[in-house]
Amino acid sequence: MKSAEIKDLSVKELQERIDVEKAQLSKLKLQHGVSPIENPSIIKKSRRDIARMLTILRQKNPKC
C-alpha cells in the first residue's frame, strides 16, 4: 500500500486496517513456521505496510 493511499484514510479506518494487517501477519508467520511459504518476502512487505500505517496514524493523531 502506498503512502498516498494511506494518507487518504481516516484515523478510524487506519486503526481498523492496522488490526487486519497485524492479524494477517500473525497468520503468515505461523504458516511460515509450520511449512515454508512460497514467497516469504510478503512477510517483509506486510511488516513495512504496518509500520507505514502506524507512522501516518501518529502524524494524524499525535496523542496516541
PDB file of N, CA and C in Angstrom:
ATOM      1  N   MET A   1       0.845  -1.167   0.000  1.00  0.00           N
ATOM      2  CA  MET A   1       0.000   0.000   0.000  1.00  0.00           C
ATOM      3  C   MET A   1       0.896   1.237   0.000  1.00  0.00           C
ATOM      4  N   LYS A   2       0.581   2.179  -0.841  1.00  0.00           N
ATOM      5  CA  LYS A   2       1.368   3.396  -0.977  1.00  0.00           C
ATOM      6  C   LYS A   2       1.038   4.395   0.135  1.00  0.00           C
ATOM      7  N   SER A   3       1.992   5.246   0.443  1.00  0.00           N
ATOM      8  CA  SER A   3       1.799   6.253   1.486  1.00  0.00           C
ATOM      9  C   SER A   3       0.667   7.210   1.137  1.00  0.00           C
ATOM     10  N   ALA A   4       0.537   7.559  -0.135  1.00  0.00           N
ATOM     11  CA  ALA A   4      -0.524   8.475  -0.559  1.00  0.00           C
ATOM     12  C   ALA A   4      -1.903   7.871  -0.295  1.00  0.00           C
ATOM     13  N   GLU A   5      -2.038   6.573  -0.515  1.00  0.00           N
ATOM     14  CA  GLU A   5      -3.308   5.885  -0.253  1.00  0.00           C
ATOM     15  C   GLU A   5      -3.610   5.865   1.239  1.00  0.00           C
ATOM     16  N   ILE A   6      -2.585   5.668   2.043  1.00  0.00           N
ATOM     17  CA  ILE A   6      -2.756   5.596   3.492  1.00  0.00           C
ATOM     18  C   ILE A   6      -3.153   6.958   4.047  1.00  0.00           C
ATOM     19  N   LYS A   7      -2.555   8.024   3.514  1.00  0.00           N
ATOM     20  CA  LYS A   7      -2.859   9.368   3.996  1.00  0.00           C
ATOM     21  C   LYS A   7      -4.310   9.756   3.750  1.00  0.00           C
ATOM     22  N   ASP A   8      -4.944   9.167   2.749  1.00  0.00           N
ATOM     23  CA  ASP A   8      -6.337   9.477   2.433  1.00  0.00           C
ATOM     24  C   ASP A   8      -7.314   8.841   3.419  1.00  0.00           C
ATOM     25  N   LEU A   9      -6.857   7.846   4.189  1.00  0.00           N
ATOM     26  CA  LEU A   9      -7.736   7.157   5.128  1.00  0.00           C
ATOM     27  C   LEU A   9      -7.932   7.987   6.393  1.00  0.00           C
ATOM     28  N   SER A  10      -9.085   7.796   7.030  1.00  0.00           N
ATOM     29  CA  SER A  10      -9.340   8.471   8.302  1.00  0.00           C
ATOM     30  C   SER A  10      -8.620   7.720   9.426  1.00  0.00           C
ATOM     31  N   VAL A  11      -8.598   8.317  10.606  1.00  0.00           N
ATOM     32  CA  VAL A  11      -7.915   7.705  11.750  1.00  0.00           C
ATOM     33  C   VAL A  11      -8.557   6.361  12.098  1.00  0.00           C
ATOM     34  N   LYS A  12      -9.877   6.326  12.097  1.00  0.00           N
ATOM     35  CA  LYS A  12     -10.587   5.090  12.429  1.00  0.00           C
ATOM     36  C   LYS A  12     -10.308   4.002  11.398  1.00  0.00           C
ATOM     37  N   GLU A  13     -10.325   4.377  10.122  1.00  0.00           N
ATOM     38  CA  GLU A  13     -10.032   3.401   9.068  1.00  0.00           C
ATOM     39  C   GLU A  13      -8.605   2.882   9.183  1.00  0.00           C
ATOM     40  N   LEU A  14      -7.680   3.774   9.528  1.00  0.00           N
ATOM     41  CA  LEU A  14      -6.286   3.362   9.711  1.00  0.00           C
ATOM     42  C   LEU A  14      -6.149   2.345  10.836  1.00  0.00           C
ATOM     43  N   GLN A  15      -6.812   2.594  11.957  1.00  0.00           N
ATOM     44  CA  GLN A  15      -6.738   1.672  13.087  1.00  0.00           C
ATOM     45  C   GLN A  15      -7.314   0.312  12.712  1.00  0.00           C
ATOM     46  N   GLU A  16      -8.430   0.319  11.987  1.00  0.00           N
ATOM     47  CA  GLU A  16      -9.034  -0.949  11.559  1.00  0.00           C
ATOM     48  C   GLU A  16      -8.107  -1.684  10.604  1.00  0.00           C
ATOM     49  N   ARG A  17      -7.509  -0.964   9.663  1.00  0.00           N
ATOM     50  CA  ARG A  17      -6.623  -1.576   8.680  1.00  0.00           C
ATOM     51  C   ARG A  17      -5.386  -2.140   9.364  1.00  0.00           C
ATOM     52  N   ILE A  18      -4.865  -1.435  10.373  1.00  0.00           N
ATOM     53  CA  ILE A  18      -3.700  -1.921  11.114  1.00  0.00           C
ATOM     54  C   ILE A  18      -4.031  -3.226  11.826  1.00  0.00           C
ATOM     55  N   ASP A  19      -5.199  -3.301  12.457  1.00  0.00           N
ATOM     56  CA  ASP A  19      -5.610  -4.524  13.146  1.00  0.00           C
ATOM     57  C   ASP A  19      -5.696  -5.697  12.169  1.00  0.00           C
ATOM     58  N   VAL A  20      -6.273  -5.447  11.008  1.00  0.00           N
ATOM     59  CA  VAL A  20      -6.411  -6.506   9.992  1.00  0.00           C
ATOM     60  C   VAL A  20      -5.029  -6.958   9.515  1.00  0.00           C
ATOM     61  N   GLU A  21      -4.160  -6.010   9.247  1.00  0.00           N
ATOM     62  CA  GLU A  21      -2.814  -6.345   8.769  1.00  0.00           C
ATOM     63  C   GLU A  21      -2.012  -7.108   9.824  1.00  0.00           C
ATOM     64  N   LYS A  22      -2.155  -6.726  11.086  1.00  0.00           N
ATOM     65  CA  LYS A  22      -1.442  -7.438  12.148  1.00  0.00           C
ATOM     66  C   LYS A  22      -1.928  -8.879  12.264  1.00  0.00           C
ATOM     67  N   ALA A  23      -3.234  -9.081  12.131  1.00  0.00           N
ATOM     68  CA  ALA A  23      -3.784 -10.443  12.177  1.00  0.00           C
ATOM     69  C   ALA A  23      -3.271 -11.257  11.000  1.00  0.00           C
ATOM     70  N   GLN A  24      -3.236 -10.636   9.836  1.00  0.00           N
ATOM     71  CA  GLN A  24      -2.747 -11.334   8.652  1.00  0.00           C
ATOM     72  C   GLN A  24      -1.268 -11.671   8.795  1.00  0.00           C
ATOM     73  N   LEU A  25      -0.490 -10.759   9.367  1.00  0.00           N
ATOM     74  CA  LEU A  25       0.937 -11.010   9.583  1.00  0.00           C
ATOM     75  C   LEU A  25       1.142 -12.185  10.531  1.00  0.00           C
ATOM     76  N   SER A  26       0.338 -12.262  11.568  1.00  0.00           N
ATOM     77  CA  SER A  26       0.442 -13.385  12.505  1.00  0.00           C
ATOM     78  C   SER A  26       0.172 -14.713  11.807  1.00  0.00           C
ATOM     79  N   LYS A  27      -0.840 -14.728  10.960  1.00  0.00           N
ATOM     80  CA  LYS A  27      -1.165 -15.952  10.216  1.00  0.00           C
ATOM     81  C   LYS A  27      -0.026 -16.332   9.279  1.00  0.00           C
ATOM     82  N   LEU A  28       0.546 -15.333   8.604  1.00  0.00           N
ATOM     83  CA  LEU A  28       1.654 -15.607   7.690  1.00  0.00           C
ATOM     84  C   LEU A  28       2.854 -16.181   8.432  1.00  0.00           C
ATOM     85  N   LYS A  29       3.173 -15.606   9.585  1.00  0.00           N
ATOM     86  CA  LYS A  29       4.311 -16.106  10.370  1.00  0.00           C
ATOM     87  C   LYS A  29       4.061 -17.533  10.835  1.00  0.00           C
ATOM     88  N   LEU A  30       2.838 -17.826  11.246  1.00  0.00           N
ATOM     89  CA  LEU A  30       2.502 -19.178  11.689  1.00  0.00           C
ATOM     90  C   LEU A  30       2.618 -20.166  10.532  1.00  0.00           C
ATOM     91  N   GLN A  31       2.073 -19.791   9.382  1.00  0.00           N
ATOM     92  CA  GLN A  31       2.158 -20.659   8.210  1.00  0.00           C
ATOM     93  C   GLN A  31       3.613 -20.895   7.821  1.00  0.00           C
ATOM     94  N   HIS A  32       4.421 -19.852   7.888  1.00  0.00           N
ATOM     95  CA  HIS A  32       5.824 -19.985   7.501  1.00  0.00           C
ATOM     96  C   HIS A  32       6.597 -20.837   8.519  1.00  0.00           C
ATOM     97  N   GLY A  33       6.180 -20.791   9.760  1.00  0.00           N
ATOM     98  CA  GLY A  33       6.831 -21.610  10.777  1.00  0.00           C
ATOM     99  C   GLY A  33       6.532 -23.082  10.614  1.00  0.00           C
ATOM    100  N   VAL A  34       5.307 -23.395  10.200  1.00  0.00           N
ATOM    101  CA  VAL A  34       4.901 -24.786  10.028  1.00  0.00           C
ATOM    102  C   VAL A  34       5.507 -25.368   8.758  1.00  0.00           C
ATOM    103  N   SER A  35       5.313 -24.672   7.665  1.00  0.00           N
ATOM    104  CA  SER A  35       5.906 -25.085   6.397  1.00  0.00           C
ATOM    105  C   SER A  35       6.243 -23.825   5.615  1.00  0.00           C
ATOM    106  N   PRO A  36       7.400 -23.790   5.008  1.00  0.00           N
ATOM    107  CA  PRO A  36       7.829 -22.580   4.308  1.00  0.00           C
ATOM    108  C   PRO A  36       6.803 -22.124   3.264  1.00  0.00           C
ATOM    109  N   ILE A  37       6.461 -20.845   3.313  1.00  0.00           N
ATOM    110  CA  ILE A  37       5.528 -20.325   2.324  1.00  0.00           C
ATOM    111  C   ILE A  37       6.279 -20.052   1.033  1.00  0.00           C
ATOM    112  N   GLU A  38       5.529 -19.990  -0.055  1.00  0.00           N
ATOM    113  CA  GLU A  38       6.134 -19.870  -1.376  1.00  0.00           C
ATOM    114  C   GLU A  38       6.931 -18.573  -1.536  1.00  0.00           C
ATOM    115  N   ASN A  39       6.379 -17.469  -1.022  1.00  0.00           N
ATOM    116  CA  ASN A  39       7.036 -16.175  -1.186  1.00  0.00           C
ATOM    117  C   ASN A  39       7.197 -15.505   0.185  1.00  0.00           C
ATOM    118  N   PRO A  40       8.295 -15.756   0.873  1.00  0.00           N
ATOM    119  CA  PRO A  40       8.469 -15.202   2.218  1.00  0.00           C
ATOM    120  C   PRO A  40       8.641 -13.681   2.249  1.00  0.00           C
ATOM    121  N   SER A  41       8.844 -13.060   1.104  1.00  0.00           N
ATOM    122  CA  SER A  41       9.004 -11.606   1.088  1.00  0.00           C
ATOM    123  C   SER A  41       7.691 -10.886   1.392  1.00  0.00           C
ATOM    124  N   ILE A  42       6.559 -11.588   1.341  1.00  0.00           N
ATOM    125  CA  ILE A  42       5.292 -10.942   1.687  1.00  0.00           C
ATOM    126  C   ILE A  42       5.228 -10.640   3.181  1.00  0.00           C
ATOM    127  N   ILE A  43       5.977 -11.385   3.987  1.00  0.00           N
ATOM    128  CA  ILE A  43       6.044 -11.091   5.425  1.00  0.00           C
ATOM    129  C   ILE A  43       6.729  -9.742   5.622  1.00  0.00           C
ATOM    130  N   LYS A  44       7.815  -9.519   4.923  1.00  0.00           N
ATOM    131  CA  LYS A  44       8.541  -8.255   4.999  1.00  0.00           C
ATOM    132  C   LYS A  44       7.668  -7.102   4.510  1.00  0.00           C
ATOM    133  N   LYS A  45       6.952  -7.308   3.414  1.00  0.00           N
ATOM    134  CA  LYS A  45       6.078  -6.279   2.865  1.00  0.00           C
ATOM    135  C   LYS A  45       4.961  -5.933   3.847  1.00  0.00           C
ATOM    136  N   SER A  46       4.418  -6.943   4.483  1.00  0.00           N
ATOM    137  CA  SER A  46       3.340  -6.729   5.446  1.00  0.00           C
ATOM    138  C   SER A  46       3.835  -5.932   6.653  1.00  0.00           C
ATOM    139  N   ARG A  47       5.013  -6.265   7.155  1.00  0.00           N
ATOM    140  CA  ARG A  47       5.598  -5.533   8.283  1.00  0.00           C
ATOM    141  C   ARG A  47       5.809  -4.071   7.938  1.00  0.00           C
ATOM    142  N   ARG A  48       6.306  -3.833   6.758  1.00  0.00           N
ATOM    143  CA  ARG A  48       6.568  -2.454   6.334  1.00  0.00           C
ATOM    144  C   ARG A  48       5.271  -1.666   6.134  1.00  0.00           C
ATOM    145  N   ASP A  49       4.237  -2.326   5.614  1.00  0.00           N
ATOM    146  CA  ASP A  49       2.938  -1.669   5.460  1.00  0.00           C
ATOM    147  C   ASP A  49       2.376  -1.264   6.819  1.00  0.00           C
ATOM    148  N   ILE A  50       2.502  -2.151   7.794  1.00  0.00           N
ATOM    149  CA  ILE A  50       2.024  -1.844   9.151  1.00  0.00           C
ATOM    150  C   ILE A  50       2.796  -0.653   9.711  1.00  0.00           C
ATOM    151  N   ALA A  51       4.106  -0.647   9.545  1.00  0.00           N
ATOM    152  CA  ALA A  51       4.929   0.457  10.047  1.00  0.00           C
ATOM    153  C   ALA A  51       4.545   1.765   9.366  1.00  0.00           C
ATOM    154  N   ARG A  52       4.296   1.706   8.064  1.00  0.00           N
ATOM    155  CA  ARG A  52       3.892   2.897   7.326  1.00  0.00           C
ATOM    156  C   ARG A  52       2.571   3.443   7.866  1.00  0.00           C
ATOM    157  N   MET A  53       1.623   2.536   8.103  1.00  0.00           N
ATOM    158  CA  MET A  53       0.313   2.949   8.614  1.00  0.00           C
ATOM    159  C   MET A  53       0.428   3.536  10.021  1.00  0.00           C
ATOM    160  N   LEU A  54       1.248   2.924  10.869  1.00  0.00           N
ATOM    161  CA  LEU A  54       1.433   3.438  12.227  1.00  0.00           C
ATOM    162  C   LEU A  54       2.078   4.823  12.214  1.00  0.00           C
ATOM    163  N   THR A  55       3.017   5.032  11.321  1.00  0.00           N
ATOM    164  CA  THR A  55       3.676   6.324  11.212  1.00  0.00           C
ATOM    165  C   THR A  55       2.678   7.409  10.819  1.00  0.00           C
ATOM    166  N   ILE A  56       1.870   7.140   9.827  1.00  0.00           N
ATOM    167  CA  ILE A  56       0.890   8.126   9.367  1.00  0.00           C
ATOM    168  C   ILE A  56      -0.190   8.333  10.420  1.00  0.00           C
ATOM    169  N   LEU A  57      -0.553   7.267  11.128  1.00  0.00           N
ATOM    170  CA  LEU A  57      -1.535   7.403  12.207  1.00  0.00           C
ATOM    171  C   LEU A  57      -1.002   8.338  13.290  1.00  0.00           C
ATOM    172  N   ARG A  58       0.264   8.203  13.634  1.00  0.00           N
ATOM    173  CA  ARG A  58       0.858   9.073  14.655  1.00  0.00           C
ATOM    174  C   ARG A  58       0.962  10.517  14.173  1.00  0.00           C
ATOM    175  N   GLN A  59       1.174  10.687  12.866  1.00  0.00           N
ATOM    176  CA  GLN A  59       1.222  12.043  12.322  1.00  0.00           C
ATOM    177  C   GLN A  59      -0.149  12.704  12.387  1.00  0.00           C
ATOM    178  N   LYS A  60      -1.187  11.919  12.129  1.00  0.00           N
ATOM    179  CA  LYS A  60      -2.542  12.466  12.155  1.00  0.00           C
ATOM    180  C   LYS A  60      -3.049  12.665  13.570  1.00  0.00           C
ATOM    181  N   ASN A  61      -2.676  11.760  14.464  1.00  0.00           N
ATOM    182  CA  ASN A  61      -3.188  11.779  15.825  1.00  0.00           C
ATOM    183  C   ASN A  61      -2.009  11.633  16.790  1.00  0.00           C
ATOM    184  N   PRO A  62      -1.316  12.717  17.100  1.00  0.00           N
ATOM    185  CA  PRO A  62      -0.101  12.610  17.910  1.00  0.00           C
ATOM    186  C   PRO A  62      -0.347  12.205  19.356  1.00  0.00           C
ATOM    187  N   LYS A  63      -1.592  12.153  19.802  1.00  0.00           N
ATOM    188  CA  LYS A  63      -1.887  11.796  21.186  1.00  0.00           C
ATOM    189  C   LYS A  63      -1.781  10.307  21.467  1.00  0.00           C
ATOM    190  N   CYS A  64      -1.851   9.466  20.430  1.00  0.00           N
ATOM    191  CA  CYS A  64      -1.841   8.012  20.677  1.00  0.00           C
ATOM    192  C   CYS A  64      -0.492   7.417  20.587  1.00  0.00           C
TER     193      CYS A  64
END
